[in-house]
Amino acid sequence: MDKLYVLSNMAGFPAQFRAELLGLDREVLHWKPSDREWSLAEVMAHLADSDEIFYQERALRMVQEDNPSFPPFDEAQLAIDRHYNEQDATANLARLATWNARLVALGWEADWSRTGTHTTAGLQTLERLLIGCLRHYTGHLGQMRRIKSQYLIRM
C-alpha cells in the first residue's frame, strides 16, 4: 500500500477522534450500550494504550532490532486492569495524539520491510503493522459513531 496514503490518513485520525468527542459530557463519554460493549472513554483509553504498545513495543523495536519477538496483548484484560471507563477521554486523546505522531514520524523515516515476529501471528513487517494501525483507527472510529448513535436512540 502507498506510504503517503497510509501515513497521511493515520495522521488525520486524532482530529477525527477529537471531533467525535467534542462537546460530550461525562455521562455520554462513560455510557455503555451494554455490559459487553465499551464506552467512548474506554475506546479512547484502548486506542491510547494500543498506540503506545504499537510504537514502543513493536514498531520502534522493529527498526532498532533485527526481527524482535513480541507477544500479543489482552486488550480486554488491560481494560479491566487499567479501569478504562474511569479514565479521562480527553487525556487519552492527548496520549493517542502523541503516540500517533511518533508512529507516523517513524513510518516516514523507517524502512517498511523491517520485521518482527508476533508470537501468535508470525512474521510481521513494519508496513503491515502501520496498515493494521490504520485499520484499527478506522474500526474504532466507526465504533465511536455507533456508540453515540445508540446513546441518542436509547429511549
Protein backbone atom coordinates (compact mmCIF):
# COMPACT_ATOMS: atom_id res chain seq x y z
CA MET A 1 0.00 0.00 0.00
CA ASP A 2 1.16 3.53 -0.70
CA LYS A 3 3.20 5.09 2.12
CA LEU A 4 1.73 8.58 1.55
CA TYR A 5 -1.82 7.21 1.71
CA VAL A 6 -1.26 5.21 4.90
CA LEU A 7 0.69 7.83 6.84
CA SER A 8 -1.38 10.85 5.83
CA ASN A 9 -4.56 9.03 6.77
CA MET A 10 -3.05 7.85 10.06
CA ALA A 11 -2.02 11.42 10.88
CA GLY A 12 -5.58 12.65 10.45
CA PHE A 13 -7.21 10.30 12.93
CA PRO A 14 -6.55 12.21 16.18
CA ALA A 15 -8.56 15.13 14.76
CA GLN A 16 -11.37 12.77 13.75
CA PHE A 17 -11.47 11.24 17.23
CA ARG A 18 -11.43 14.75 18.75
CA ALA A 19 -14.42 15.71 16.57
CA GLU A 20 -16.36 12.70 17.86
CA LEU A 21 -15.72 13.70 21.49
CA LEU A 22 -16.30 17.42 21.07
CA GLY A 23 -18.94 18.80 23.42
CA LEU A 24 -19.84 15.49 25.05
CA ASP A 25 -20.42 15.45 28.80
CA ARG A 26 -19.24 12.82 31.27
CA GLU A 27 -22.50 10.87 31.09
CA VAL A 28 -22.18 10.33 27.34
CA LEU A 29 -18.45 9.57 27.49
CA HIS A 30 -18.88 6.84 30.11
CA TRP A 31 -22.21 5.38 28.93
CA LYS A 32 -22.05 1.78 27.67
CA PRO A 33 -24.53 0.31 25.19
CA SER A 34 -24.35 -2.97 27.13
CA ASP A 35 -22.20 -4.75 29.69
CA ARG A 36 -20.27 -6.41 26.85
CA GLU A 37 -19.52 -3.20 24.95
CA TRP A 38 -17.16 -0.31 25.57
CA SER A 39 -17.96 3.30 26.31
CA LEU A 40 -16.36 6.18 24.40
CA ALA A 41 -13.97 6.67 27.33
CA GLU A 42 -12.96 3.01 27.13
CA VAL A 43 -12.40 3.22 23.39
CA MET A 44 -10.10 6.23 23.84
CA ALA A 45 -8.14 4.51 26.62
CA HIS A 46 -7.77 1.43 24.44
CA LEU A 47 -6.59 3.49 21.46
CA ALA A 48 -4.01 5.36 23.54
CA ASP A 49 -2.67 2.17 25.11
CA SER A 50 -2.65 0.34 21.77
CA ASP A 51 -0.67 3.09 20.05
CA GLU A 52 1.82 3.14 22.91
CA ILE A 53 2.28 -0.63 22.51
CA PHE A 54 2.39 -0.43 18.70
CA TYR A 55 5.07 2.27 18.88
CA GLN A 56 7.26 1.26 21.83
CA GLU A 57 6.98 -2.50 21.87
CA ARG A 58 6.58 -3.20 18.17
CA ALA A 59 7.41 -0.53 15.55
CA LEU A 60 10.38 1.01 17.34
CA ARG A 61 11.80 -2.40 18.16
CA MET A 62 11.38 -3.49 14.53
CA VAL A 63 13.50 -0.52 13.47
CA GLN A 64 16.13 -0.83 16.21
CA GLU A 65 16.48 -4.63 16.44
CA ASP A 66 16.76 -7.43 13.94
CA ASN A 67 13.47 -9.32 13.88
CA PRO A 68 12.42 -8.86 17.52
CA SER A 69 9.76 -11.06 19.04
CA PHE A 70 6.67 -9.55 20.63
CA PRO A 71 3.72 -11.16 22.35
CA PRO A 72 0.06 -10.31 21.86
CA PHE A 73 -1.66 -8.23 24.50
CA ASP A 74 -5.01 -8.97 26.07
CA GLU A 75 -7.00 -5.82 25.37
CA ALA A 76 -9.98 -6.95 27.44
CA GLN A 77 -7.81 -7.63 30.49
CA LEU A 78 -5.96 -4.34 30.02
CA ALA A 79 -9.31 -2.52 30.04
CA ILE A 80 -10.18 -4.19 33.35
CA ASP A 81 -6.75 -3.77 34.95
CA ARG A 82 -6.47 -0.10 33.98
CA HIS A 83 -10.11 0.78 34.73
CA TYR A 84 -10.69 2.22 31.28
CA ASN A 85 -14.19 3.50 31.98
CA GLU A 86 -12.90 5.62 34.86
CA GLN A 87 -10.26 7.32 32.72
CA ASP A 88 -10.47 10.77 31.18
CA ALA A 89 -11.24 10.51 27.44
CA THR A 90 -9.64 13.90 26.68
CA ALA A 91 -6.40 12.95 28.43
CA ASN A 92 -6.34 9.69 26.48
CA LEU A 93 -6.98 11.56 23.24
CA ALA A 94 -3.86 13.64 24.01
CA ARG A 95 -1.88 10.44 24.71
CA LEU A 96 -3.15 8.93 21.46
CA ALA A 97 -2.13 12.05 19.51
CA THR A 98 1.40 11.81 20.94
CA TRP A 99 1.84 8.12 20.10
CA ASN A 100 0.18 8.60 16.70
CA ALA A 101 2.62 11.39 15.82
CA ARG A 102 5.54 9.17 16.80
CA LEU A 103 4.22 6.26 14.73
CA VAL A 104 3.70 8.48 11.70
CA ALA A 105 7.16 10.06 12.02
CA LEU A 106 8.77 6.64 12.37
CA GLY A 107 6.79 5.45 9.36
CA TRP A 108 8.23 8.26 7.23
CA GLU A 109 11.79 7.59 8.35
CA ALA A 110 11.97 3.81 8.57
CA ASP A 111 12.33 1.00 6.08
CA TRP A 112 8.89 -0.59 5.82
CA SER A 113 10.38 -4.00 5.16
CA ARG A 114 11.80 -4.22 8.70
CA THR A 115 10.37 -7.23 10.50
CA GLY A 116 9.37 -8.59 13.88
CA THR A 117 7.78 -11.84 14.89
CA HIS A 118 4.46 -11.78 16.68
CA THR A 119 4.29 -14.88 18.87
CA THR A 120 0.86 -15.87 17.56
CA ALA A 121 0.51 -14.06 14.20
CA GLY A 122 4.01 -14.81 12.91
CA LEU A 123 6.32 -12.64 10.86
CA GLN A 124 5.21 -9.01 10.57
CA THR A 125 6.65 -6.13 8.57
CA LEU A 126 6.56 -2.51 9.65
CA GLU A 127 4.33 -1.90 6.63
CA ARG A 128 1.83 -4.50 7.85
CA LEU A 129 1.91 -3.01 11.36
CA LEU A 130 1.18 0.51 10.09
CA ILE A 131 -1.59 -0.64 7.76
CA GLY A 132 -3.04 -2.59 10.70
CA CYS A 133 -2.91 0.55 12.80
CA LEU A 134 -4.82 2.46 10.11
CA ARG A 135 -7.47 -0.28 10.04
CA HIS A 136 -7.59 -0.22 13.84
CA TYR A 137 -8.34 3.51 13.82
CA THR A 138 -11.00 3.10 11.15
CA GLY A 139 -12.77 0.35 13.07
CA HIS A 140 -12.79 2.27 16.33
CA LEU A 141 -13.95 5.50 14.68
CA GLY A 142 -16.97 3.57 13.41
CA GLN A 143 -17.45 2.09 16.87
CA MET A 144 -17.45 5.56 18.44
CA ARG A 145 -20.07 6.74 15.98
CA ARG A 146 -22.25 3.70 16.73
CA ILE A 147 -21.99 4.30 20.49
CA LYS A 148 -23.06 7.91 20.06
CA SER A 149 -26.00 6.88 17.88
CA GLN A 150 -27.04 4.20 20.37
CA TYR A 151 -26.89 6.76 23.18
CA LEU A 152 -29.19 9.10 21.27
CA ILE A 153 -31.79 6.45 20.45
CA ARG A 154 -31.67 4.56 23.76
CA MET A 155 -35.06 5.75 24.91
